[in-house]
Amino acid sequence: MSIPACAEILLVESNPFEASVTKAAILKSKITERIHWAKDGEEALNFIFSPCQKLDNEASLLPRIIILSLNIPKVSGMEVLQKIKDNPATSSIVTILISPTEENEAFLHAIKSGVNMCLVKDKDFEKFCVAIKKELGYYWRLFS
């Protein structure tokens, strides 16, 4: 059985336009091209915790970074974050909460739950690309 190329970044975003903008910013930053898009929390959890993600210890298919929107259907972004951080096999995955607006209370709750960082998505695409390159690049270099 061949092992598929792992998605290095899992993007969890229900809005197709917002997902495409975020993917474009990641691609422009040249961090990686291996991005998997989950459209809701249930799909994200299935991707992270499916049996095929644990083929063996040497070839883990878990993403290195999860970019998570707060407002996603089926399972909320906060619930997804909690399940990731509560599981020893996934708790060390870098998680970045992304929101189009600064949601102080939600960000504070996410920080208490173990999110690595909260990022407000700038409406200016070039500024957003700079933020993605800086913030994702930091974690990319840190864990490479």
Protein backbone atom coordinates (compact mmCIF):
# COMPACT_ATOMS: atom_id res chain seq x y z
CA MET A 1 0.00 0.00 0.00
CA SER A 2 1.43 3.37 -0.95
CA ILE A 3 1.29 6.16 1.56
CA PRO A 4 -0.29 9.35 0.16
CA ALA A 5 1.52 12.65 0.49
CA CYS A 6 0.45 14.21 3.75
CA ALA A 7 -1.30 17.53 3.95
CA GLU A 8 1.12 19.73 5.83
CA ILE A 9 -1.56 22.31 6.56
CA LEU A 10 -5.18 21.57 7.37
CA LEU A 11 -7.39 24.57 6.65
CA VAL A 12 -10.79 24.40 8.36
CA GLU A 13 -13.09 27.02 6.86
CA SER A 14 -16.75 26.74 5.81
CA ASN A 15 -16.78 29.72 3.43
CA PRO A 16 -15.35 28.69 0.02
CA PHE A 17 -14.27 32.25 -0.81
CA GLU A 18 -12.48 32.72 2.52
CA ALA A 19 -10.85 29.29 2.12
CA SER A 20 -9.60 30.19 -1.36
CA VAL A 21 -8.19 33.52 -0.11
CA THR A 22 -6.38 31.79 2.76
CA LYS A 23 -5.05 29.04 0.47
CA ALA A 24 -3.85 31.68 -2.00
CA ALA A 25 -2.03 33.53 0.80
CA ILE A 26 -0.35 30.30 1.96
CA LEU A 27 0.68 29.43 -1.59
CA LYS A 28 1.99 32.96 -2.19
CA SER A 29 4.09 32.68 0.99
CA LYS A 30 5.74 29.56 -0.51
CA ILE A 31 5.53 27.72 2.82
CA THR A 32 3.91 24.62 1.30
CA GLU A 33 1.56 23.55 -1.45
CA ARG A 34 0.23 20.59 0.53
CA ILE A 35 -2.97 22.03 1.98
CA HIS A 36 -6.14 20.08 2.78
CA TRP A 37 -9.40 22.02 3.05
CA ALA A 38 -12.06 20.80 5.48
CA LYS A 39 -15.41 22.56 5.05
CA ASP A 40 -16.70 21.92 8.59
CA GLY A 41 -15.64 20.71 12.01
CA GLU A 42 -16.83 17.16 11.47
CA GLU A 43 -14.79 16.82 8.27
CA ALA A 44 -11.75 18.25 10.08
CA LEU A 45 -12.05 15.77 12.95
CA ASN A 46 -12.52 12.88 10.52
CA PHE A 47 -9.40 13.96 8.66
CA ILE A 48 -7.32 14.29 11.83
CA PHE A 49 -8.53 11.20 13.66
CA SER A 50 -9.21 8.75 10.81
CA PRO A 51 -7.39 5.41 11.06
CA CYS A 52 -5.41 6.09 7.88
CA GLN A 53 -3.75 9.05 9.62
CA LYS A 54 -2.02 6.60 11.96
CA LEU A 55 -0.43 4.14 9.49
CA ASP A 56 2.81 3.98 11.46
CA ASN A 57 4.93 6.17 13.67
CA GLU A 58 7.49 6.92 10.97
CA ALA A 59 4.99 8.10 8.38
CA SER A 60 2.42 10.07 10.32
CA LEU A 61 0.00 11.77 8.00
CA LEU A 62 -1.09 14.33 10.56
CA PRO A 63 -0.83 17.93 9.44
CA ARG A 64 1.93 20.09 10.89
CA ILE A 65 -0.32 23.14 11.19
CA ILE A 66 -4.09 23.50 11.52
CA ILE A 67 -5.66 26.82 10.56
CA LEU A 68 -9.07 26.86 12.16
CA SER A 69 -12.02 29.19 11.70
CA LEU A 70 -14.23 29.78 14.73
CA ASN A 71 -17.58 29.73 13.00
CA ILE A 72 -17.85 26.43 11.19
CA PRO A 73 -20.85 24.07 10.92
CA LYS A 74 -21.47 20.64 12.45
CA VAL A 75 -18.71 20.90 15.11
CA SER A 76 -17.60 24.38 16.20
CA GLY A 77 -14.04 25.59 15.85
CA MET A 78 -13.67 25.68 19.64
CA GLU A 79 -14.83 22.05 19.92
CA VAL A 80 -12.39 20.98 17.21
CA LEU A 81 -9.59 22.83 19.02
CA GLN A 82 -10.50 21.16 22.33
CA LYS A 83 -10.49 17.66 20.80
CA ILE A 84 -7.11 18.30 19.16
CA LYS A 85 -5.53 19.62 22.37
CA ASP A 86 -7.09 16.95 24.61
CA ASN A 87 -5.60 14.08 22.61
CA PRO A 88 -1.92 13.28 23.31
CA ALA A 89 -1.40 12.18 19.69
CA THR A 90 -2.50 15.56 18.32
CA SER A 91 -1.95 18.04 21.14
CA SER A 92 1.39 19.23 19.78
CA ILE A 93 0.03 20.13 16.33
CA VAL A 94 0.34 23.89 15.83
CA THR A 95 -3.14 25.39 15.77
CA ILE A 96 -3.90 28.86 14.50
CA LEU A 97 -7.33 30.38 15.01
CA ILE A 98 -8.32 32.70 12.19
CA SER A 99 -11.15 35.20 12.15
CA PRO A 100 -12.19 38.11 9.91
CA THR A 101 -12.70 40.25 13.02
CA GLU A 102 -11.03 40.52 16.39
CA GLU A 103 -13.15 38.42 18.73
CA ASN A 104 -11.47 39.10 22.07
CA GLU A 105 -13.59 36.77 24.20
CA ALA A 106 -13.33 33.89 21.75
CA PHE A 107 -9.60 34.48 21.28
CA LEU A 108 -9.06 34.48 25.04
CA HIS A 109 -10.99 31.22 25.38
CA ALA A 110 -8.97 29.69 22.52
CA ILE A 111 -5.70 30.74 24.14
CA LYS A 112 -6.78 29.10 27.41
CA SER A 113 -7.64 25.98 25.39
CA GLY A 114 -4.15 25.76 23.93
CA VAL A 115 -4.31 27.48 20.54
CA ASN A 116 -0.86 28.58 19.43
CA MET A 117 -1.98 31.89 17.99
CA CYS A 118 -5.00 33.92 16.93
CA LEU A 119 -4.86 35.75 13.61
CA VAL A 120 -7.27 38.42 12.39
CA LYS A 121 -7.64 38.10 8.62
CA ASP A 122 -6.79 41.46 7.06
CA LYS A 123 -9.17 42.56 4.28
CA ASP A 124 -6.16 43.74 2.27
CA PHE A 125 -4.85 40.59 0.55
CA GLU A 126 -1.22 41.75 0.44
CA LYS A 127 -1.22 42.54 4.17
CA PHE A 128 -2.85 39.17 4.85
CA CYS A 129 -0.13 37.44 2.80
CA VAL A 130 2.56 39.20 4.81
CA ALA A 131 0.91 38.10 8.08
CA ILE A 132 0.55 34.51 6.86
CA LYS A 133 4.17 34.37 5.72
CA LYS A 134 5.40 35.84 9.01
CA GLU A 135 3.24 33.82 11.41
CA LEU A 136 3.09 30.49 9.58
CA GLY A 137 6.73 30.87 8.61
CA TYR A 138 7.68 31.22 12.28
CA TYR A 139 6.05 27.91 13.20
CA TRP A 140 7.26 26.26 10.01
CA ARG A 141 10.88 27.09 10.84
CA LEU A 142 10.41 26.26 14.51
CA PHE A 143 9.18 22.73 13.83
CA SER A 144 11.18 21.91 10.68
